[in-house]
Amino acid sequence: MKHFFKLIIFSLCCLSTPLHASEDIERTNLAKIISEVDFLLQRVEKIKHEAAHNQRIRFHYDDLKNDLKVIRSGVSAYINADINNGRVINPLNGNYH
């Protein structure tokens, strides 16, 4: 019986390690997404300043930047959130013309 409990404790320790490692990998990958969104925000700002302003139909760069910020905020909130807390997800604008 004593060996059985040792086996159970050992098994639980072995199982919990990969879960923790996979959470760390997920957080690292999500942090990369935040970096990529930051890069996209910079590119959108640059493209906005280079765009011709005399076009009949204009792309709404500010709306795109706001949506990217919502995405970045949501990913960041997930990374930093307590697992037991719920969260509110704001809809994207999605209309850029």
PDB file of N, CA and C in Angstrom:
ATOM      1  N   MET A   1       0.833  -1.195   0.000  1.00  0.00           N
ATOM      2  CA  MET A   1       0.000   0.000   0.000  1.00  0.00           C
ATOM      3  C   MET A   1       0.874   1.254   0.000  1.00  0.00           C
ATOM      4  N   LYS A   2       1.946   1.223   0.786  1.00  0.00           N
ATOM      5  CA  LYS A   2       2.847   2.364   0.876  1.00  0.00           C
ATOM      6  C   LYS A   2       3.504   2.644  -0.481  1.00  0.00           C
ATOM      7  N   HIS A   3       3.870   1.568  -1.176  1.00  0.00           N
ATOM      8  CA  HIS A   3       4.483   1.726  -2.493  1.00  0.00           C
ATOM      9  C   HIS A   3       3.476   2.260  -3.512  1.00  0.00           C
ATOM     10  N   PHE A   4       2.231   1.873  -3.331  1.00  0.00           N
ATOM     11  CA  PHE A   4       1.179   2.341  -4.228  1.00  0.00           C
ATOM     12  C   PHE A   4       1.044   3.863  -4.145  1.00  0.00           C
ATOM     13  N   PHE A   5       1.032   4.419  -2.911  1.00  0.00           N
ATOM     14  CA  PHE A   5       0.939   5.871  -2.738  1.00  0.00           C
ATOM     15  C   PHE A   5       2.167   6.580  -3.295  1.00  0.00           C
ATOM     16  N   LYS A   6       3.334   5.994  -3.121  1.00  0.00           N
ATOM     17  CA  LYS A   6       4.558   6.569  -3.688  1.00  0.00           C
ATOM     18  C   LYS A   6       4.472   6.605  -5.210  1.00  0.00           C
ATOM     19  N   LEU A   7       3.931   5.523  -5.779  1.00  0.00           N
ATOM     20  CA  LEU A   7       3.759   5.453  -7.222  1.00  0.00           C
ATOM     21  C   LEU A   7       2.785   6.525  -7.717  1.00  0.00           C
ATOM     22  N   ILE A   8       1.697   6.720  -6.993  1.00  0.00           N
ATOM     23  CA  ILE A   8       0.716   7.749  -7.366  1.00  0.00           C
ATOM     24  C   ILE A   8       1.337   9.137  -7.275  1.00  0.00           C
ATOM     25  N   ILE A   9       2.047   9.419  -6.203  1.00  0.00           N
ATOM     26  CA  ILE A   9       2.683  10.738  -6.038  1.00  0.00           C
ATOM     27  C   ILE A   9       3.724  10.957  -7.124  1.00  0.00           C
ATOM     28  N   PHE A  10       4.525   9.955  -7.407  1.00  0.00           N
ATOM     29  CA  PHE A  10       5.529  10.059  -8.458  1.00  0.00           C
ATOM     30  C   PHE A  10       4.866  10.310  -9.809  1.00  0.00           C
ATOM     31  N   SER A  11       3.780   9.594 -10.099  1.00  0.00           N
ATOM     32  CA  SER A  11       3.059   9.766 -11.366  1.00  0.00           C
ATOM     33  C   SER A  11       2.485  11.168 -11.490  1.00  0.00           C
ATOM     34  N   LEU A  12       1.919  11.680 -10.413  1.00  0.00           N
ATOM     35  CA  LEU A  12       1.366  13.037 -10.450  1.00  0.00           C
ATOM     36  C   LEU A  12       2.457  14.072 -10.679  1.00  0.00           C
ATOM     37  N   CYS A  13       3.598  13.890 -10.072  1.00  0.00           N
ATOM     38  CA  CYS A  13       4.722  14.815 -10.281  1.00  0.00           C
ATOM     39  C   CYS A  13       5.186  14.783 -11.731  1.00  0.00           C
ATOM     40  N   CYS A  14       5.245  13.603 -12.301  1.00  0.00           N
ATOM     41  CA  CYS A  14       5.672  13.471 -13.694  1.00  0.00           C
ATOM     42  C   CYS A  14       4.659  14.088 -14.647  1.00  0.00           C
ATOM     43  N   LEU A  15       3.391  13.954 -14.338  1.00  0.00           N
ATOM     44  CA  LEU A  15       2.353  14.502 -15.204  1.00  0.00           C
ATOM     45  C   LEU A  15       2.254  16.016 -15.098  1.00  0.00           C
ATOM     46  N   SER A  16       2.506  16.573 -13.937  1.00  0.00           N
ATOM     47  CA  SER A  16       2.355  18.017 -13.772  1.00  0.00           C
ATOM     48  C   SER A  16       3.491  18.793 -14.425  1.00  0.00           C
ATOM     49  N   THR A  17       4.660  18.213 -14.545  1.00  0.00           N
ATOM     50  CA  THR A  17       5.796  18.904 -15.144  1.00  0.00           C
ATOM     51  C   THR A  17       5.544  19.247 -16.614  1.00  0.00           C
ATOM     52  N   PRO A  18       5.104  18.298 -17.457  1.00  0.00           N
ATOM     53  CA  PRO A  18       4.845  18.668 -18.846  1.00  0.00           C
ATOM     54  C   PRO A  18       3.734  19.703 -18.989  1.00  0.00           C
ATOM     55  N   LEU A  19       2.738  19.680 -18.120  1.00  0.00           N
ATOM     56  CA  LEU A  19       1.680  20.679 -18.204  1.00  0.00           C
ATOM     57  C   LEU A  19       2.225  22.065 -17.938  1.00  0.00           C
ATOM     58  N   HIS A  20       3.065  22.171 -16.930  1.00  0.00           N
ATOM     59  CA  HIS A  20       3.669  23.465 -16.622  1.00  0.00           C
ATOM     60  C   HIS A  20       4.572  23.914 -17.764  1.00  0.00           C
ATOM     61  N   ALA A  21       5.333  22.983 -18.324  1.00  0.00           N
ATOM     62  CA  ALA A  21       6.221  23.310 -19.438  1.00  0.00           C
ATOM     63  C   ALA A  21       5.412  23.743 -20.651  1.00  0.00           C
ATOM     64  N   SER A  22       4.301  23.077 -20.923  1.00  0.00           N
ATOM     65  CA  SER A  22       3.498  23.463 -22.081  1.00  0.00           C
ATOM     66  C   SER A  22       2.853  24.834 -21.874  1.00  0.00           C
ATOM     67  N   GLU A  23       2.504  25.166 -20.626  1.00  0.00           N
ATOM     68  CA  GLU A  23       1.975  26.507 -20.353  1.00  0.00           C
ATOM     69  C   GLU A  23       3.045  27.563 -20.599  1.00  0.00           C
ATOM     70  N   ASP A  24       4.279  27.274 -20.204  1.00  0.00           N
ATOM     71  CA  ASP A  24       5.372  28.213 -20.450  1.00  0.00           C
ATOM     72  C   ASP A  24       5.617  28.393 -21.941  1.00  0.00           C
ATOM     73  N   ILE A  25       5.554  27.305 -22.698  1.00  0.00           N
ATOM     74  CA  ILE A  25       5.730  27.389 -24.152  1.00  0.00           C
ATOM     75  C   ILE A  25       4.603  28.208 -24.764  1.00  0.00           C
ATOM     76  N   GLU A  26       3.390  27.974 -24.292  1.00  0.00           N
ATOM     77  CA  GLU A  26       2.250  28.737 -24.813  1.00  0.00           C
ATOM     78  C   GLU A  26       2.425  30.217 -24.527  1.00  0.00           C
ATOM     79  N   ARG A  27       2.795  30.555 -23.305  1.00  0.00           N
ATOM     80  CA  ARG A  27       2.994  31.967 -22.950  1.00  0.00           C
ATOM     81  C   ARG A  27       4.110  32.595 -23.775  1.00  0.00           C
ATOM     82  N   THR A  28       5.177  31.851 -24.017  1.00  0.00           N
ATOM     83  CA  THR A  28       6.276  32.351 -24.848  1.00  0.00           C
ATOM     84  C   THR A  28       5.801  32.601 -26.268  1.00  0.00           C
ATOM     85  N   ASN A  29       5.044  31.667 -26.816  1.00  0.00           N
ATOM     86  CA  ASN A  29       4.522  31.837 -28.179  1.00  0.00           C
ATOM     87  C   ASN A  29       3.543  33.001 -28.261  1.00  0.00           C
ATOM     88  N   LEU A  30       2.712  33.162 -27.243  1.00  0.00           N
ATOM     89  CA  LEU A  30       1.773  34.288 -27.238  1.00  0.00           C
ATOM     90  C   LEU A  30       2.511  35.612 -27.097  1.00  0.00           C
ATOM     91  N   ALA A  31       3.593  35.625 -26.340  1.00  0.00           N
ATOM     92  CA  ALA A  31       4.402  36.841 -26.227  1.00  0.00           C
ATOM     93  C   ALA A  31       5.018  37.203 -27.583  1.00  0.00           C
ATOM     94  N   LYS A  32       5.365  36.197 -28.374  1.00  0.00           N
ATOM     95  CA  LYS A  32       5.866  36.449 -29.731  1.00  0.00           C
ATOM     96  C   LYS A  32       4.782  37.095 -30.588  1.00  0.00           C
ATOM     97  N   ILE A  33       3.545  36.640 -30.409  1.00  0.00           N
ATOM     98  CA  ILE A  33       2.432  37.240 -31.157  1.00  0.00           C
ATOM     99  C   ILE A  33       2.292  38.715 -30.786  1.00  0.00           C
ATOM    100  N   ILE A  34       2.426  39.030 -29.506  1.00  0.00           N
ATOM    101  CA  ILE A  34       2.352  40.434 -29.079  1.00  0.00           C
ATOM    102  C   ILE A  34       3.452  41.243 -29.760  1.00  0.00           C
ATOM    103  N   SER A  35       4.653  40.694 -29.839  1.00  0.00           N
ATOM    104  CA  SER A  35       5.752  41.387 -30.523  1.00  0.00           C
ATOM    105  C   SER A  35       5.432  41.607 -31.995  1.00  0.00           C
ATOM    106  N   GLU A  36       4.828  40.606 -32.623  1.00  0.00           N
ATOM    107  CA  GLU A  36       4.473  40.735 -34.034  1.00  0.00           C
ATOM    108  C   GLU A  36       3.369  41.765 -34.233  1.00  0.00           C
ATOM    109  N   VAL A  37       2.419  41.821 -33.328  1.00  0.00           N
ATOM    110  CA  VAL A  37       1.363  42.832 -33.417  1.00  0.00           C
ATOM    111  C   VAL A  37       1.977  44.228 -33.243  1.00  0.00           C
ATOM    112  N   ASP A  38       2.927  44.365 -32.320  1.00  0.00           N
ATOM    113  CA  ASP A  38       3.617  45.651 -32.155  1.00  0.00           C
ATOM    114  C   ASP A  38       4.324  46.054 -33.443  1.00  0.00           C
ATOM    115  N   PHE A  39       4.962  45.089 -34.094  1.00  0.00           N
ATOM    116  CA  PHE A  39       5.609  45.360 -35.379  1.00  0.00           C
ATOM    117  C   PHE A  39       4.579  45.812 -36.412  1.00  0.00           C
ATOM    118  N   LEU A  40       3.431  45.114 -36.462  1.00  0.00           N
ATOM    119  CA  LEU A  40       2.379  45.488 -37.409  1.00  0.00           C
ATOM    120  C   LEU A  40       1.860  46.899 -37.142  1.00  0.00           C
ATOM    121  N   LEU A  41       1.734  47.265 -35.870  1.00  0.00           N
ATOM    122  CA  LEU A  41       1.288  48.618 -35.539  1.00  0.00           C
ATOM    123  C   LEU A  41       2.255  49.666 -36.081  1.00  0.00           C
ATOM    124  N   GLN A  42       3.536  49.391 -35.972  1.00  0.00           N
ATOM    125  CA  GLN A  42       4.538  50.311 -36.515  1.00  0.00           C
ATOM    126  C   GLN A  42       4.431  50.392 -38.033  1.00  0.00           C
ATOM    127  N   ARG A  43       4.259  49.245 -38.684  1.00  0.00           N
ATOM    128  CA  ARG A  43       4.136  49.220 -40.152  1.00  0.00           C
ATOM    129  C   ARG A  43       2.883  49.965 -40.616  1.00  0.00           C
ATOM    130  N   VAL A  44       1.777  49.755 -39.922  1.00  0.00           N
ATOM    131  CA  VAL A  44       0.541  50.435 -40.296  1.00  0.00           C
ATOM    132  C   VAL A  44       0.731  51.948 -40.189  1.00  0.00           C
ATOM    133  N   GLU A  45       1.384  52.398 -39.127  1.00  0.00           N
ATOM    134  CA  GLU A  45       1.619  53.835 -38.962  1.00  0.00           C
ATOM    135  C   GLU A  45       2.486  54.376 -40.095  1.00  0.00           C
ATOM    136  N   LYS A  46       3.515  53.638 -40.482  1.00  0.00           N
ATOM    137  CA  LYS A  46       4.391  54.063 -41.577  1.00  0.00           C
ATOM    138  C   LYS A  46       3.623  54.110 -42.893  1.00  0.00           C
ATOM    139  N   ILE A  47       2.847  53.065 -43.154  1.00  0.00           N
ATOM    140  CA  ILE A  47       2.065  53.014 -44.397  1.00  0.00           C
ATOM    141  C   ILE A  47       1.034  54.137 -44.420  1.00  0.00           C
ATOM    142  N   LYS A  48       0.442  54.430 -43.284  1.00  0.00           N
ATOM    143  CA  LYS A  48      -0.545  55.511 -43.189  1.00  0.00           C
ATOM    144  C   LYS A  48       0.076  56.836 -43.612  1.00  0.00           C
ATOM    145  N   HIS A  49       1.284  57.095 -43.155  1.00  0.00           N
ATOM    146  CA  HIS A  49       1.937  58.366 -43.499  1.00  0.00           C
ATOM    147  C   HIS A  49       2.403  58.411 -44.952  1.00  0.00           C
ATOM    148  N   GLU A  50       2.630  57.256 -45.557  1.00  0.00           N
ATOM    149  CA  GLU A  50       3.067  57.196 -46.951  1.00  0.00           C
ATOM    150  C   GLU A  50       1.894  57.157 -47.932  1.00  0.00           C
ATOM    151  N   ALA A  51       0.697  56.924 -47.440  1.00  0.00           N
ATOM    152  CA  ALA A  51      -0.474  56.768 -48.318  1.00  0.00           C
ATOM    153  C   ALA A  51      -0.846  58.096 -48.964  1.00  0.00           C
ATOM    154  N   ALA A  52      -1.355  57.996 -50.174  1.00  0.00           N
ATOM    155  CA  ALA A  52      -1.860  59.184 -50.876  1.00  0.00           C
ATOM    156  C   ALA A  52      -3.152  59.635 -50.201  1.00  0.00           C
ATOM    157  N   HIS A  53      -3.223  60.909 -49.917  1.00  0.00           N
ATOM    158  CA  HIS A  53      -4.395  61.428 -49.195  1.00  0.00           C
ATOM    159  C   HIS A  53      -5.486  61.964 -50.126  1.00  0.00           C
ATOM    160  N   ASN A  54      -5.236  61.895 -51.420  1.00  0.00           N
ATOM    161  CA  ASN A  54      -6.227  62.433 -52.362  1.00  0.00           C
ATOM    162  C   ASN A  54      -7.051  61.329 -53.018  1.00  0.00           C
ATOM    163  N   GLN A  55      -7.067  60.148 -52.449  1.00  0.00           N
ATOM    164  CA  GLN A  55      -7.839  59.052 -53.012  1.00  0.00           C
ATOM    165  C   GLN A  55      -9.311  59.220 -52.688  1.00  0.00           C
ATOM    166  N   ARG A  56     -10.147  58.756 -53.592  1.00  0.00           N
ATOM    167  CA  ARG A  56     -11.590  58.843 -53.379  1.00  0.00           C
ATOM    168  C   ARG A  56     -12.018  57.919 -52.245  1.00  0.00           C
ATOM    169  N   ILE A  57     -11.482  56.718 -52.240  1.00  0.00           N
ATOM    170  CA  ILE A  57     -11.772  55.761 -51.171  1.00  0.00           C
ATOM    171  C   ILE A  57     -10.487  55.567 -50.373  1.00  0.00           C
ATOM    172  N   ARG A  58     -10.584  55.804 -49.073  1.00  0.00           N
ATOM    173  CA  ARG A  58      -9.405  55.705 -48.204  1.00  0.00           C
ATOM    174  C   ARG A  58      -9.521  54.510 -47.271  1.00  0.00           C
ATOM    175  N   PHE A  59      -8.372  53.944 -47.008  1.00  0.00           N
ATOM    176  CA  PHE A  59      -8.287  52.871 -46.023  1.00  0.00           C
ATOM    177  C   PHE A  59      -8.275  53.506 -44.640  1.00  0.00           C
ATOM    178  N   HIS A  60      -9.011  52.943 -43.699  1.00  0.00           N
ATOM    179  CA  HIS A  60      -9.099  53.499 -42.347  1.00  0.00           C
ATOM    180  C   HIS A  60      -8.024  52.866 -41.465  1.00  0.00           C
ATOM    181  N   TYR A  61      -6.843  53.459 -41.528  1.00  0.00           N
ATOM    182  CA  TYR A  61      -5.704  52.925 -40.787  1.00  0.00           C
ATOM    183  C   TYR A  61      -5.917  52.987 -39.277  1.00  0.00           C
ATOM    184  N   ASP A  62      -6.565  54.024 -38.802  1.00  0.00           N
ATOM    185  CA  ASP A  62      -6.791  54.141 -37.362  1.00  0.00           C
ATOM    186  C   ASP A  62      -7.680  53.012 -36.835  1.00  0.00           C
ATOM    187  N   ASP A  63      -8.681  52.621 -37.626  1.00  0.00           N
ATOM    188  CA  ASP A  63      -9.530  51.496 -37.216  1.00  0.00           C
ATOM    189  C   ASP A  63      -8.729  50.194 -37.175  1.00  0.00           C
ATOM    190  N   LEU A  64      -7.847  50.009 -38.154  1.00  0.00           N
ATOM    191  CA  LEU A  64      -6.996  48.821 -38.159  1.00  0.00           C
ATOM    192  C   LEU A  64      -6.075  48.828 -36.942  1.00  0.00           C
ATOM    193  N   LYS A  65      -5.487  49.972 -36.641  1.00  0.00           N
ATOM    194  CA  LYS A  65      -4.610  50.073 -35.467  1.00  0.00           C
ATOM    195  C   LYS A  65      -5.389  49.780 -34.185  1.00  0.00           C
ATOM    196  N   ASN A  66      -6.604  50.284 -34.095  1.00  0.00           N
ATOM    197  CA  ASN A  66      -7.420  50.011 -32.902  1.00  0.00           C
ATOM    198  C   ASN A  66      -7.718  48.522 -32.759  1.00  0.00           C
ATOM    199  N   ASP A  67      -8.033  47.856 -33.879  1.00  0.00           N
ATOM    200  CA  ASP A  67      -8.298  46.421 -33.828  1.00  0.00           C
ATOM    201  C   ASP A  67      -7.043  45.641 -33.441  1.00  0.00           C
ATOM    202  N   LEU A  68      -5.891  46.038 -33.958  1.00  0.00           N
ATOM    203  CA  LEU A  68      -4.639  45.381 -33.576  1.00  0.00           C
ATOM    204  C   LEU A  68      -4.351  45.578 -32.087  1.00  0.00           C
ATOM    205  N   LYS A  69      -4.683  46.751 -31.577  1.00  0.00           N
ATOM    206  CA  LYS A  69      -4.491  47.010 -30.147  1.00  0.00           C
ATOM    207  C   LYS A  69      -5.426  46.147 -29.303  1.00  0.00           C
ATOM    208  N   VAL A  70      -6.641  45.918 -29.801  1.00  0.00           N
ATOM    209  CA  VAL A  70      -7.587  45.045 -29.094  1.00  0.00           C
ATOM    210  C   VAL A  70      -7.036  43.621 -29.060  1.00  0.00           C
ATOM    211  N   ILE A  71      -6.487  43.163 -30.182  1.00  0.00           N
ATOM    212  CA  ILE A  71      -5.900  41.825 -30.243  1.00  0.00           C
ATOM    213  C   ILE A  71      -4.726  41.731 -29.274  1.00  0.00           C
ATOM    214  N   ARG A  72      -3.836  42.729 -29.311  1.00  0.00           N
ATOM    215  CA  ARG A  72      -2.673  42.730 -28.416  1.00  0.00           C
ATOM    216  C   ARG A  72      -3.123  42.735 -26.961  1.00  0.00           C
ATOM    217  N   SER A  73      -4.113  43.538 -26.650  1.00  0.00           N
ATOM    218  CA  SER A  73      -4.622  43.621 -25.285  1.00  0.00           C
ATOM    219  C   SER A  73      -5.221  42.294 -24.835  1.00  0.00           C
ATOM    220  N   GLY A  74      -5.968  41.634 -25.722  1.00  0.00           N
ATOM    221  CA  GLY A  74      -6.575  40.349 -25.381  1.00  0.00           C
ATOM    222  C   GLY A  74      -5.541  39.268 -25.132  1.00  0.00           C
ATOM    223  N   VAL A  75      -4.518  39.216 -25.981  1.00  0.00           N
ATOM    224  CA  VAL A  75      -3.458  38.216 -25.797  1.00  0.00           C
ATOM    225  C   VAL A  75      -2.693  38.513 -24.514  1.00  0.00           C
ATOM    226  N   SER A  76      -2.398  39.777 -24.284  1.00  0.00           N
ATOM    227  CA  SER A  76      -1.676  40.177 -23.073  1.00  0.00           C
ATOM    228  C   SER A  76      -2.494  39.857 -21.825  1.00  0.00           C
ATOM    229  N   ALA A  77      -3.785  40.129 -21.885  1.00  0.00           N
ATOM    230  CA  ALA A  77      -4.654  39.833 -20.743  1.00  0.00           C
ATOM    231  C   ALA A  77      -4.676  38.336 -20.454  1.00  0.00           C
ATOM    232  N   TYR A  78      -4.682  37.522 -21.517  1.00  0.00           N
ATOM    233  CA  TYR A  78      -4.677  36.073 -21.327  1.00  0.00           C
ATOM    234  C   TYR A  78      -3.381  35.622 -20.661  1.00  0.00           C
ATOM    235  N   ILE A  79      -2.265  36.167 -21.118  1.00  0.00           N
ATOM    236  CA  ILE A  79      -0.969  35.791 -20.555  1.00  0.00           C
ATOM    237  C   ILE A  79      -0.899  36.149 -19.078  1.00  0.00           C
ATOM    238  N   ASN A  80      -1.420  37.314 -18.727  1.00  0.00           N
ATOM    239  CA  ASN A  80      -1.289  37.826 -17.366  1.00  0.00           C
ATOM    240  C   ASN A  80      -2.462  37.480 -16.452  1.00  0.00           C
ATOM    241  N   ALA A  81      -3.503  36.863 -17.006  1.00  0.00           N
ATOM    242  CA  ALA A  81      -4.730  36.628 -16.236  1.00  0.00           C
ATOM    243  C   ALA A  81      -4.611  35.429 -15.309  1.00  0.00           C
ATOM    244  N   ASP A  82      -5.373  35.523 -14.260  1.00  0.00           N
ATOM    245  CA  ASP A  82      -5.558  34.378 -13.377  1.00  0.00           C
ATOM    246  C   ASP A  82      -6.506  33.419 -14.092  1.00  0.00           C
ATOM    247  N   ILE A  83      -6.160  32.168 -14.129  1.00  0.00           N
ATOM    248  CA  ILE A  83      -6.949  31.176 -14.870  1.00  0.00           C
ATOM    249  C   ILE A  83      -8.397  31.115 -14.389  1.00  0.00           C
ATOM    250  N   ASN A  84      -8.631  31.393 -13.123  1.00  0.00           N
ATOM    251  CA  ASN A  84      -9.969  31.259 -12.563  1.00  0.00           C
ATOM    252  C   ASN A  84     -10.876  32.454 -12.864  1.00  0.00           C
ATOM    253  N   ASN A  85     -10.319  33.540 -13.369  1.00  0.00           N
ATOM    254  CA  ASN A  85     -11.124  34.728 -13.651  1.00  0.00           C
ATOM    255  C   ASN A  85     -11.715  34.673 -15.049  1.00  0.00           C
ATOM    256  N   GLY A  86     -12.924  35.166 -15.192  1.00  0.00           N
ATOM    257  CA  GLY A  86     -13.525  35.308 -16.508  1.00  0.00           C
ATOM    258  C   GLY A  86     -13.003  36.577 -17.156  1.00  0.00           C
ATOM    259  N   ARG A  87     -13.334  36.801 -18.407  1.00  0.00           N
ATOM    260  CA  ARG A  87     -12.883  38.021 -19.073  1.00  0.00           C
ATOM    261  C   ARG A  87     -13.890  38.448 -20.124  1.00  0.00           C
ATOM    262  N   VAL A  88     -13.869  39.722 -20.435  1.00  0.00           N
ATOM    263  CA  VAL A  88     -14.740  40.301 -21.444  1.00  0.00           C
ATOM    264  C   VAL A  88     -13.942  40.427 -22.737  1.00  0.00           C
ATOM    265  N   ILE A  89     -14.519  39.978 -23.834  1.00  0.00           N
ATOM    266  CA  ILE A  89     -13.862  40.072 -25.132  1.00  0.00           C
ATOM    267  C   ILE A  89     -14.598  41.124 -25.957  1.00  0.00           C
ATOM    268  N   ASN A  90     -13.865  42.170 -26.356  1.00  0.00           N
ATOM    269  CA  ASN A  90     -14.440  43.234 -27.165  1.00  0.00           C
ATOM    270  C   ASN A  90     -14.429  42.828 -28.640  1.00  0.00           C
ATOM    271  N   PRO A  91     -15.485  43.162 -29.391  1.00  0.00           N
ATOM    272  CA  PRO A  91     -15.513  42.810 -30.815  1.00  0.00           C
ATOM    273  C   PRO A  91     -14.564  43.706 -31.610  1.00  0.00           C
ATOM    274  N   LEU A  92     -14.061  43.170 -32.736  1.00  0.00           N
ATOM    275  CA  LEU A  92     -13.236  43.956 -33.637  1.00  0.00           C
ATOM    276  C   LEU A  92     -14.134  44.789 -34.536  1.00  0.00           C
ATOM    277  N   ASN A  93     -13.612  45.901 -35.023  1.00  0.00           N
ATOM    278  CA  ASN A  93     -14.357  46.764 -35.930  1.00  0.00           C
ATOM    279  C   ASN A  93     -14.515  46.066 -37.275  1.00  0.00           C
ATOM    280  N   GLY A  94     -13.389  45.669 -37.877  1.00  0.00           N
ATOM    281  CA  GLY A  94     -13.406  44.895 -39.115  1.00  0.00           C
ATOM    282  C   GLY A  94     -13.820  45.661 -40.359  1.00  0.00           C
ATOM    283  N   ASN A  95     -14.081  46.957 -40.276  1.00  0.00           N
ATOM    284  CA  ASN A  95     -14.485  47.750 -41.424  1.00  0.00           C
ATOM    285  C   ASN A  95     -13.411  48.794 -41.687  1.00  0.00           C
ATOM    286  N   TYR A  96     -12.649  48.620 -42.768  1.00  0.00           N
ATOM    287  CA  TYR A  96     -11.490  49.481 -43.015  1.00  0.00           C
ATOM    288  C   TYR A  96     -11.627  50.327 -44.276  1.00  0.00           C
ATOM    289  N   HIS A  97     -12.792  50.450 -44.830  1.00  0.00           N
ATOM    290  CA  HIS A  97     -12.951  51.285 -46.032  1.00  0.00           C
ATOM    291  C   HIS A  97     -14.093  52.245 -45.890  1.00  0.00           C
TER     292      HIS A  97
END
